[in-house]
Amino acid sequence: MTKTILITGSTDGIGLLTAQKMAVDGHRILLHGRSAAKLDAAAGSISGTVESFVADLSNFSAVKALAGDIRAKHEKLDVLINNAGVLRAPNPTLNGGLDIRFVVNTYAPYMLTELLLPIIPQDGRVVNLSSAAQAPVDREAMLGQRQLDEMGAYAQSKLAITIWTREWARTLPEGPTMIAVNPGSLLASKMVKEGFGVAGKDMNIGADILIEAALGSRFADASGKYFDNDSGAFANPHPAALDAAHAADVMTTIRTILGQQS
């Protein structure tokens, strides 16, 4: 059955490879990126039905516009893969003091998911990109009141998206399924090459697990779970995600920040 699938950050890396593979299988792919030129190039590399959407996820207004564009064109979105992510940025502190890693890696996917939820069916799925790099979240840093180094901000933002995946899944027992996935450590993406200076491992490792998380039967009843592709199994995330008080602080902070954007 053909499904409509939005993949954020899909002009290169794991996102693009996932889009290419899903399109070959006959699914309708909604590509997203910051650059129209890169989107055109990405779309040209895909054999199948594809639409392109431009939006800078570090800008909350652009996230709202992206959701509006998608809802204007589609009555149903079967799968949302929140793949876009930032590790290194020339100007990591945005207007208002927020760190770009928290905005793109945590806040934007939450906002986008919330705005698109009305068109995601109960048997649909939201797949959130987590990471093996996870660290307890400093609420002041998340609020933009304290600066972190790039790896600190990245690891905290990835635990934060893992936390909201778990916590939000509890409030949606009928679906859609929400899953956090570490697609694999040090895959050969641009982020890894630029951030760590290594060539990285085969990106098919990451693309294949994202496709399974989005469509496979193993993930059908996995809402709220975290899948660690380094071990190839469902696993517990960092212990801080299992701490009810810590998780509640993260959820309160997300709602505080996003509440200011309305």
C-alpha atoms as a PDB file:
ATOM      1  CA  MET A   1       0.000   0.000   0.000  1.00  0.00           C
ATOM      2  CA  THR A   2       1.336   3.425  -0.976  1.00  0.00           C
ATOM      3  CA  LYS A   3       1.996   5.680   1.999  1.00  0.00           C
ATOM      4  CA  THR A   4       2.683   9.390   2.222  1.00  0.00           C
ATOM      5  CA  ILE A   5       5.903   9.965   4.148  1.00  0.00           C
ATOM      6  CA  LEU A   6       7.534  13.222   5.250  1.00  0.00           C
ATOM      7  CA  ILE A   7      11.264  13.073   5.974  1.00  0.00           C
ATOM      8  CA  THR A   8      12.812  16.227   7.388  1.00  0.00           C
ATOM      9  CA  GLY A   9      16.414  16.998   6.531  1.00  0.00           C
ATOM     10  CA  SER A  10      16.263  14.818   3.430  1.00  0.00           C
ATOM     11  CA  THR A  11      18.509  16.648   0.959  1.00  0.00           C
ATOM     12  CA  ASP A  12      21.532  14.528   1.869  1.00  0.00           C
ATOM     13  CA  GLY A  13      22.803  11.834   4.182  1.00  0.00           C
ATOM     14  CA  ILE A  14      20.562   9.262   5.834  1.00  0.00           C
ATOM     15  CA  GLY A  15      17.448  11.299   5.113  1.00  0.00           C
ATOM     16  CA  LEU A  16      18.014  11.329   1.356  1.00  0.00           C
ATOM     17  CA  LEU A  17      19.026   7.674   1.226  1.00  0.00           C
ATOM     18  CA  THR A  18      15.897   6.728   3.173  1.00  0.00           C
ATOM     19  CA  ALA A  19      13.770   8.792   0.780  1.00  0.00           C
ATOM     20  CA  GLN A  20      15.354   7.168  -2.270  1.00  0.00           C
ATOM     21  CA  LYS A  21      14.740   3.670  -0.954  1.00  0.00           C
ATOM     22  CA  MET A  22      11.158   4.364   0.097  1.00  0.00           C
ATOM     23  CA  ALA A  23      10.330   5.967  -3.241  1.00  0.00           C
ATOM     24  CA  VAL A  24      11.595   2.907  -5.107  1.00  0.00           C
ATOM     25  CA  ASP A  25       9.105   0.869  -3.067  1.00  0.00           C
ATOM     26  CA  GLY A  26       6.301   3.069  -4.381  1.00  0.00           C
ATOM     27  CA  HIS A  27       5.686   5.460  -1.508  1.00  0.00           C
ATOM     28  CA  ARG A  28       4.933   9.170  -1.949  1.00  0.00           C
ATOM     29  CA  ILE A  29       7.850  11.065  -0.423  1.00  0.00           C
ATOM     30  CA  LEU A  30       7.685  14.586   0.943  1.00  0.00           C
ATOM     31  CA  LEU A  31      11.236  15.920   0.964  1.00  0.00           C
ATOM     32  CA  HIS A  32      12.258  18.737   3.256  1.00  0.00           C
ATOM     33  CA  GLY A  33      15.348  20.934   3.328  1.00  0.00           C
ATOM     34  CA  ARG A  34      16.574  24.491   3.906  1.00  0.00           C
ATOM     35  CA  SER A  35      17.774  25.057   0.341  1.00  0.00           C
ATOM     36  CA  ALA A  36      15.566  25.016  -2.752  1.00  0.00           C
ATOM     37  CA  ALA A  37      18.574  24.186  -4.912  1.00  0.00           C
ATOM     38  CA  LYS A  38      19.521  21.195  -2.755  1.00  0.00           C
ATOM     39  CA  LEU A  39      15.900  20.055  -2.717  1.00  0.00           C
ATOM     40  CA  ASP A  40      15.795  20.157  -6.506  1.00  0.00           C
ATOM     41  CA  ALA A  41      18.969  18.087  -6.690  1.00  0.00           C
ATOM     42  CA  ALA A  42      17.654  15.610  -4.143  1.00  0.00           C
ATOM     43  CA  ALA A  43      14.319  15.270  -5.928  1.00  0.00           C
ATOM     44  CA  GLY A  44      16.158  14.636  -9.179  1.00  0.00           C
ATOM     45  CA  SER A  45      17.960  11.695  -7.584  1.00  0.00           C
ATOM     46  CA  ILE A  46      14.728   9.973  -6.608  1.00  0.00           C
ATOM     47  CA  SER A  47      12.822   7.583  -8.842  1.00  0.00           C
ATOM     48  CA  GLY A  48       9.187   7.898  -7.835  1.00  0.00           C
ATOM     49  CA  THR A  49       6.590  10.331  -6.546  1.00  0.00           C
ATOM     50  CA  VAL A  50       8.186  13.196  -4.659  1.00  0.00           C
ATOM     51  CA  GLU A  51       7.226  16.666  -3.428  1.00  0.00           C
ATOM     52  CA  SER A  52       9.596  19.262  -1.988  1.00  0.00           C
ATOM     53  CA  PHE A  53       9.139  21.646   0.949  1.00  0.00           C
ATOM     54  CA  VAL A  54      11.572  24.391   1.926  1.00  0.00           C
ATOM     55  CA  ALA A  55      11.829  25.429   5.574  1.00  0.00           C
ATOM     56  CA  ASP A  56      14.522  26.471   8.040  1.00  0.00           C
ATOM     57  CA  LEU A  57      13.742  24.464  11.172  1.00  0.00           C
ATOM     58  CA  SER A  58      15.743  26.866  13.319  1.00  0.00           C
ATOM     59  CA  ASN A  59      12.896  29.349  12.743  1.00  0.00           C
ATOM     60  CA  PHE A  60       9.636  28.546  14.517  1.00  0.00           C
ATOM     61  CA  SER A  61       7.594  30.577  12.041  1.00  0.00           C
ATOM     62  CA  ALA A  62       9.045  28.496   9.219  1.00  0.00           C
ATOM     63  CA  VAL A  63       8.094  25.289  11.059  1.00  0.00           C
ATOM     64  CA  LYS A  64       4.500  26.537  11.308  1.00  0.00           C
ATOM     65  CA  ALA A  65       4.502  27.457   7.629  1.00  0.00           C
ATOM     66  CA  LEU A  66       5.864  24.030   6.691  1.00  0.00           C
ATOM     67  CA  ALA A  67       3.087  22.288   8.592  1.00  0.00           C
ATOM     68  CA  GLY A  68       0.527  24.582   6.980  1.00  0.00           C
ATOM     69  CA  ASP A  69       1.847  23.853   3.485  1.00  0.00           C
ATOM     70  CA  ILE A  70       1.708  20.106   4.065  1.00  0.00           C
ATOM     71  CA  ARG A  71      -1.795  20.202   5.530  1.00  0.00           C
ATOM     72  CA  ALA A  72      -2.990  22.338   2.625  1.00  0.00           C
ATOM     73  CA  LYS A  73      -1.821  19.696   0.153  1.00  0.00           C
ATOM     74  CA  HIS A  74      -2.464  16.464   2.037  1.00  0.00           C
ATOM     75  CA  GLU A  75      -5.409  15.176   4.028  1.00  0.00           C
ATOM     76  CA  LYS A  76      -3.350  12.319   5.436  1.00  0.00           C
ATOM     77  CA  LEU A  77       0.285  11.824   6.399  1.00  0.00           C
ATOM     78  CA  ASP A  78       1.070   8.196   7.149  1.00  0.00           C
ATOM     79  CA  VAL A  79       4.606   8.626   8.448  1.00  0.00           C
ATOM     80  CA  LEU A  80       6.630  11.539   9.804  1.00  0.00           C
ATOM     81  CA  ILE A  81      10.365  10.943  10.154  1.00  0.00           C
ATOM     82  CA  ASN A  82      11.933  13.760  12.175  1.00  0.00           C
ATOM     83  CA  ASN A  83      15.420  13.261  10.758  1.00  0.00           C
ATOM     84  CA  ALA A  84      16.783  16.821  10.534  1.00  0.00           C
ATOM     85  CA  GLY A  85      19.505  17.538  13.056  1.00  0.00           C
ATOM     86  CA  VAL A  86      22.355  19.900  13.858  1.00  0.00           C
ATOM     87  CA  LEU A  87      25.640  19.232  15.651  1.00  0.00           C
ATOM     88  CA  ARG A  88      27.987  21.982  14.488  1.00  0.00           C
ATOM     89  CA  ALA A  89      26.879  25.475  13.470  1.00  0.00           C
ATOM     90  CA  PRO A  90      28.821  28.707  12.823  1.00  0.00           C
ATOM     91  CA  ASN A  91      26.331  30.678  14.928  1.00  0.00           C
ATOM     92  CA  PRO A  92      24.869  28.248  17.454  1.00  0.00           C
ATOM     93  CA  THR A  93      23.012  30.862  19.516  1.00  0.00           C
ATOM     94  CA  LEU A  94      19.826  32.076  17.865  1.00  0.00           C
ATOM     95  CA  ASN A  95      17.898  35.286  18.456  1.00  0.00           C
ATOM     96  CA  GLY A  96      16.445  35.071  21.938  1.00  0.00           C
ATOM     97  CA  GLY A  97      19.398  33.020  23.186  1.00  0.00           C
ATOM     98  CA  LEU A  98      18.208  29.525  22.314  1.00  0.00           C
ATOM     99  CA  ASP A  99      20.808  27.021  21.176  1.00  0.00           C
ATOM    100  CA  ILE A 100      20.269  25.864  17.587  1.00  0.00           C
ATOM    101  CA  ARG A 101      20.771  22.231  18.653  1.00  0.00           C
ATOM    102  CA  PHE A 102      17.787  22.358  20.990  1.00  0.00           C
ATOM    103  CA  VAL A 103      15.697  24.246  18.446  1.00  0.00           C
ATOM    104  CA  VAL A 104      16.328  21.986  15.445  1.00  0.00           C
ATOM    105  CA  ASN A 105      16.812  18.684  17.273  1.00  0.00           C
ATOM    106  CA  THR A 106      14.117  18.976  19.960  1.00  0.00           C
ATOM    107  CA  TYR A 107      11.704  21.905  19.688  1.00  0.00           C
ATOM    108  CA  ALA A 108      11.092  21.988  15.923  1.00  0.00           C
ATOM    109  CA  PRO A 109      10.218  18.283  15.601  1.00  0.00           C
ATOM    110  CA  TYR A 110       7.876  18.573  18.589  1.00  0.00           C
ATOM    111  CA  MET A 111       6.136  21.578  17.057  1.00  0.00           C
ATOM    112  CA  LEU A 112       5.961  19.984  13.612  1.00  0.00           C
ATOM    113  CA  THR A 113       4.562  16.744  15.034  1.00  0.00           C
ATOM    114  CA  GLU A 114       1.957  18.615  17.063  1.00  0.00           C
ATOM    115  CA  LEU A 115       0.825  20.647  14.044  1.00  0.00           C
ATOM    116  CA  LEU A 116       0.657  17.604  11.768  1.00  0.00           C
ATOM    117  CA  LEU A 117      -0.933  15.247  14.284  1.00  0.00           C
ATOM    118  CA  PRO A 118      -4.484  15.973  13.037  1.00  0.00           C
ATOM    119  CA  ILE A 119      -3.630  14.380   9.663  1.00  0.00           C
ATOM    120  CA  ILE A 120      -1.586  11.434  11.000  1.00  0.00           C
ATOM    121  CA  PRO A 121      -3.904   8.414  11.364  1.00  0.00           C
ATOM    122  CA  GLN A 122      -3.967   6.248  14.460  1.00  0.00           C
ATOM    123  CA  ASP A 123      -2.061   3.545  12.595  1.00  0.00           C
ATOM    124  CA  GLY A 124       0.502   6.105  11.418  1.00  0.00           C
ATOM    125  CA  ARG A 125       3.976   6.526  12.848  1.00  0.00           C
ATOM    126  CA  VAL A 126       6.281   9.274  14.046  1.00  0.00           C
ATOM    127  CA  VAL A 127       9.950   8.255  13.975  1.00  0.00           C
ATOM    128  CA  ASN A 128      12.281  10.564  15.887  1.00  0.00           C
ATOM    129  CA  LEU A 129      16.033  10.532  15.362  1.00  0.00           C
ATOM    130  CA  SER A 130      17.803  10.030  18.647  1.00  0.00           C
ATOM    131  CA  SER A 131      21.475   9.175  19.089  1.00  0.00           C
ATOM    132  CA  ALA A 132      23.868   7.101  21.122  1.00  0.00           C
ATOM    133  CA  ALA A 133      25.049  10.499  22.390  1.00  0.00           C
ATOM    134  CA  GLN A 134      22.631  11.317  25.211  1.00  0.00           C
ATOM    135  CA  ALA A 135      23.099  13.367  28.353  1.00  0.00           C
ATOM    136  CA  PRO A 136      20.878  14.682  31.171  1.00  0.00           C
ATOM    137  CA  VAL A 137      19.219  17.919  30.126  1.00  0.00           C
ATOM    138  CA  ASP A 138      20.266  21.190  31.747  1.00  0.00           C
ATOM    139  CA  ARG A 139      16.984  23.116  31.922  1.00  0.00           C
ATOM    140  CA  GLU A 140      18.756  26.469  31.914  1.00  0.00           C
ATOM    141  CA  ALA A 141      20.635  25.508  28.765  1.00  0.00           C
ATOM    142  CA  MET A 142      17.416  24.343  27.162  1.00  0.00           C
ATOM    143  CA  LEU A 143      15.865  27.714  27.986  1.00  0.00           C
ATOM    144  CA  GLY A 144      18.837  29.528  26.451  1.00  0.00           C
ATOM    145  CA  GLN A 145      20.088  30.803  29.800  1.00  0.00           C
ATOM    146  CA  ARG A 146      23.331  28.819  29.748  1.00  0.00           C
ATOM    147  CA  GLN A 147      25.646  28.009  26.847  1.00  0.00           C
ATOM    148  CA  LEU A 148      26.984  24.506  26.219  1.00  0.00           C
ATOM    149  CA  ASP A 149      29.712  23.146  23.976  1.00  0.00           C
ATOM    150  CA  GLU A 150      28.512  21.576  20.746  1.00  0.00           C
ATOM    151  CA  MET A 151      28.612  17.958  21.888  1.00  0.00           C
ATOM    152  CA  GLY A 152      26.996  18.821  25.196  1.00  0.00           C
ATOM    153  CA  ALA A 153      24.132  20.625  23.486  1.00  0.00           C
ATOM    154  CA  TYR A 154      23.762  17.876  20.888  1.00  0.00           C
ATOM    155  CA  ALA A 155      23.682  15.044  23.428  1.00  0.00           C
ATOM    156  CA  GLN A 156      21.196  16.872  25.622  1.00  0.00           C
ATOM    157  CA  SER A 157      18.962  17.739  22.676  1.00  0.00           C
ATOM    158  CA  LYS A 158      18.915  14.084  21.633  1.00  0.00           C
ATOM    159  CA  LEU A 159      17.949  12.917  25.098  1.00  0.00           C
ATOM    160  CA  ALA A 160      15.237  15.591  25.106  1.00  0.00           C
ATOM    161  CA  ILE A 161      13.675  14.303  21.868  1.00  0.00           C
ATOM    162  CA  THR A 162      13.861  10.776  23.265  1.00  0.00           C
ATOM    163  CA  ILE A 163      12.092  11.939  26.410  1.00  0.00           C
ATOM    164  CA  TRP A 164       9.277  13.677  24.575  1.00  0.00           C
ATOM    165  CA  THR A 165       8.819  10.633  22.353  1.00  0.00           C
ATOM    166  CA  ARG A 166       8.309   8.467  25.438  1.00  0.00           C
ATOM    167  CA  GLU A 167       6.167  10.938  27.326  1.00  0.00           C
ATOM    168  CA  TRP A 168       3.957  11.902  24.397  1.00  0.00           C
ATOM    169  CA  ALA A 169       3.375   8.247  23.455  1.00  0.00           C
ATOM    170  CA  ARG A 170       1.791   7.701  26.859  1.00  0.00           C
ATOM    171  CA  THR A 171      -0.861  10.305  26.096  1.00  0.00           C
ATOM    172  CA  LEU A 172      -1.742   8.658  22.759  1.00  0.00           C
ATOM    173  CA  PRO A 173      -2.529   5.021  23.636  1.00  0.00           C
ATOM    174  CA  GLU A 174      -4.562   4.628  20.439  1.00  0.00           C
ATOM    175  CA  GLY A 175      -1.735   5.923  18.247  1.00  0.00           C
ATOM    176  CA  PRO A 176      -0.058   7.070  16.174  1.00  0.00           C
ATOM    177  CA  THR A 177       3.013   5.081  17.144  1.00  0.00           C
ATOM    178  CA  MET A 178       5.907   7.251  18.321  1.00  0.00           C
ATOM    179  CA  ILE A 179       9.392   5.769  18.297  1.00  0.00           C
ATOM    180  CA  ALA A 180      12.869   7.151  19.051  1.00  0.00           C
ATOM    181  CA  VAL A 181      15.677   5.563  17.057  1.00  0.00           C
ATOM    182  CA  ASN A 182      19.440   5.759  17.257  1.00  0.00           C
ATOM    183  CA  PRO A 183      20.121   4.895  13.600  1.00  0.00           C
ATOM    184  CA  GLY A 184      23.718   3.927  14.308  1.00  0.00           C
ATOM    185  CA  SER A 185      26.857   5.622  15.529  1.00  0.00           C
ATOM    186  CA  LEU A 186      29.284   7.389  13.198  1.00  0.00           C
ATOM    187  CA  LEU A 187      27.482   6.711   9.947  1.00  0.00           C
ATOM    188  CA  ALA A 188      28.910   8.413   6.863  1.00  0.00           C
ATOM    189  CA  SER A 189      26.718  11.517   6.973  1.00  0.00           C
ATOM    190  CA  LYS A 190      27.867  15.090   6.442  1.00  0.00           C
ATOM    191  CA  MET A 191      27.290  15.740  10.157  1.00  0.00           C
ATOM    192  CA  VAL A 192      29.645  12.937  11.148  1.00  0.00           C
ATOM    193  CA  LYS A 193      32.306  13.900   8.615  1.00  0.00           C
ATOM    194  CA  GLU A 194      32.253  17.551   9.664  1.00  0.00           C
ATOM    195  CA  GLY A 195      31.773  16.950  13.376  1.00  0.00           C
ATOM    196  CA  PHE A 196      34.166  14.056  13.933  1.00  0.00           C
ATOM    197  CA  GLY A 197      36.481  14.116  10.922  1.00  0.00           C
ATOM    198  CA  VAL A 198      35.942  10.466  10.059  1.00  0.00           C
ATOM    199  CA  ALA A 199      34.593   8.835   6.904  1.00  0.00           C
ATOM    200  CA  GLY A 200      31.930   6.932   8.809  1.00  0.00           C
ATOM    201  CA  LYS A 201      30.148   3.630   8.298  1.00  0.00           C
ATOM    202  CA  ASP A 202      27.722   2.598   5.580  1.00  0.00           C
ATOM    203  CA  MET A 203      24.669   4.874   5.683  1.00  0.00           C
ATOM    204  CA  ASN A 204      22.454   1.996   4.598  1.00  0.00           C
ATOM    205  CA  ILE A 205      22.676   0.855   8.223  1.00  0.00           C
ATOM    206  CA  GLY A 206      20.771   3.955   9.267  1.00  0.00           C
ATOM    207  CA  ALA A 207      18.406   4.185   6.307  1.00  0.00           C
ATOM    208  CA  ASP A 208      17.322   0.575   6.620  1.00  0.00           C
ATOM    209  CA  ILE A 209      16.411   0.865  10.298  1.00  0.00           C
ATOM    210  CA  LEU A 210      14.472   4.083   9.674  1.00  0.00           C
ATOM    211  CA  ILE A 211      12.476   2.335   6.965  1.00  0.00           C
ATOM    212  CA  GLU A 212      11.758  -0.567   9.293  1.00  0.00           C
ATOM    213  CA  ALA A 213      10.769   1.778  12.112  1.00  0.00           C
ATOM    214  CA  ALA A 214       8.441   3.622   9.759  1.00  0.00           C
ATOM    215  CA  LEU A 215       6.846   0.612   8.104  1.00  0.00           C
ATOM    216  CA  GLY A 216       7.947  -2.678   9.650  1.00  0.00           C
ATOM    217  CA  SER A 217       5.867  -4.980  11.831  1.00  0.00           C
ATOM    218  CA  ARG A 218       8.517  -5.119  14.578  1.00  0.00           C
ATOM    219  CA  PHE A 219       7.742  -1.483  15.417  1.00  0.00           C
ATOM    220  CA  ALA A 220       3.949  -1.618  15.129  1.00  0.00           C
ATOM    221  CA  ASP A 221       3.451  -1.932  18.892  1.00  0.00           C
ATOM    222  CA  ALA A 222       6.584  -0.086  19.965  1.00  0.00           C
ATOM    223  CA  SER A 223       5.126   3.320  20.779  1.00  0.00           C
ATOM    224  CA  GLY A 224       7.222   5.142  23.338  1.00  0.00           C
ATOM    225  CA  LYS A 225      10.170   2.804  22.940  1.00  0.00           C
ATOM    226  CA  TYR A 226      13.778   3.592  22.083  1.00  0.00           C
ATOM    227  CA  PHE A 227      15.590   1.476  19.514  1.00  0.00           C
ATOM    228  CA  ASP A 228      19.378   1.353  19.631  1.00  0.00           C
ATOM    229  CA  ASN A 229      20.663   0.284  16.223  1.00  0.00           C
ATOM    230  CA  ASP A 230      24.202  -0.088  17.563  1.00  0.00           C
ATOM    231  CA  SER A 231      22.964  -3.119  19.500  1.00  0.00           C
ATOM    232  CA  GLY A 232      20.169  -3.918  17.037  1.00  0.00           C
ATOM    233  CA  ALA A 233      17.532  -4.020  19.763  1.00  0.00           C
ATOM    234  CA  PHE A 234      15.051  -2.030  21.799  1.00  0.00           C
ATOM    235  CA  ALA A 235      16.835  -0.681  24.850  1.00  0.00           C
ATOM    236  CA  ASN A 236      16.575   1.805  27.656  1.00  0.00           C
ATOM    237  CA  PRO A 237      17.791   5.297  26.803  1.00  0.00           C
ATOM    238  CA  HIS A 238      20.018   7.229  29.193  1.00  0.00           C
ATOM    239  CA  PRO A 239      18.754   6.686  32.776  1.00  0.00           C
ATOM    240  CA  ALA A 240      17.787  10.361  33.018  1.00  0.00           C
ATOM    241  CA  ALA A 241      14.970   9.682  30.550  1.00  0.00           C
ATOM    242  CA  LEU A 242      13.525   7.160  33.011  1.00  0.00           C
ATOM    243  CA  ASP A 243      13.545   9.658  35.869  1.00  0.00           C
ATOM    244  CA  ALA A 244       9.985  10.978  36.144  1.00  0.00           C
ATOM    245  CA  ALA A 245      10.996  14.343  37.596  1.00  0.00           C
ATOM    246  CA  HIS A 246      13.650  14.920  34.942  1.00  0.00           C
ATOM    247  CA  ALA A 247      11.271  13.952  32.149  1.00  0.00           C
ATOM    248  CA  ALA A 248       8.606  16.265  33.579  1.00  0.00           C
ATOM    249  CA  ASP A 249      11.087  19.160  33.657  1.00  0.00           C
ATOM    250  CA  VAL A 250      11.960  18.583  30.002  1.00  0.00           C
ATOM    251  CA  MET A 251       8.301  18.426  28.973  1.00  0.00           C
ATOM    252  CA  THR A 252       7.491  21.584  30.932  1.00  0.00           C
ATOM    253  CA  THR A 253      10.399  23.396  29.301  1.00  0.00           C
ATOM    254  CA  ILE A 254       9.317  22.355  25.802  1.00  0.00           C
ATOM    255  CA  ARG A 255       5.788  23.568  26.416  1.00  0.00           C
ATOM    256  CA  THR A 256       7.080  26.801  27.920  1.00  0.00           C
ATOM    257  CA  ILE A 257       9.247  27.628  24.922  1.00  0.00           C
ATOM    258  CA  LEU A 258       6.682  26.585  22.329  1.00  0.00           C
ATOM    259  CA  GLY A 259       3.936  28.354  24.229  1.00  0.00           C
ATOM    260  CA  GLN A 260       5.854  31.585  23.671  1.00  0.00           C
ATOM    261  CA  GLN A 261       5.701  31.056  19.904  1.00  0.00           C
ATOM    262  CA  SER A 262       1.899  31.137  19.597  1.00  0.00           C
END
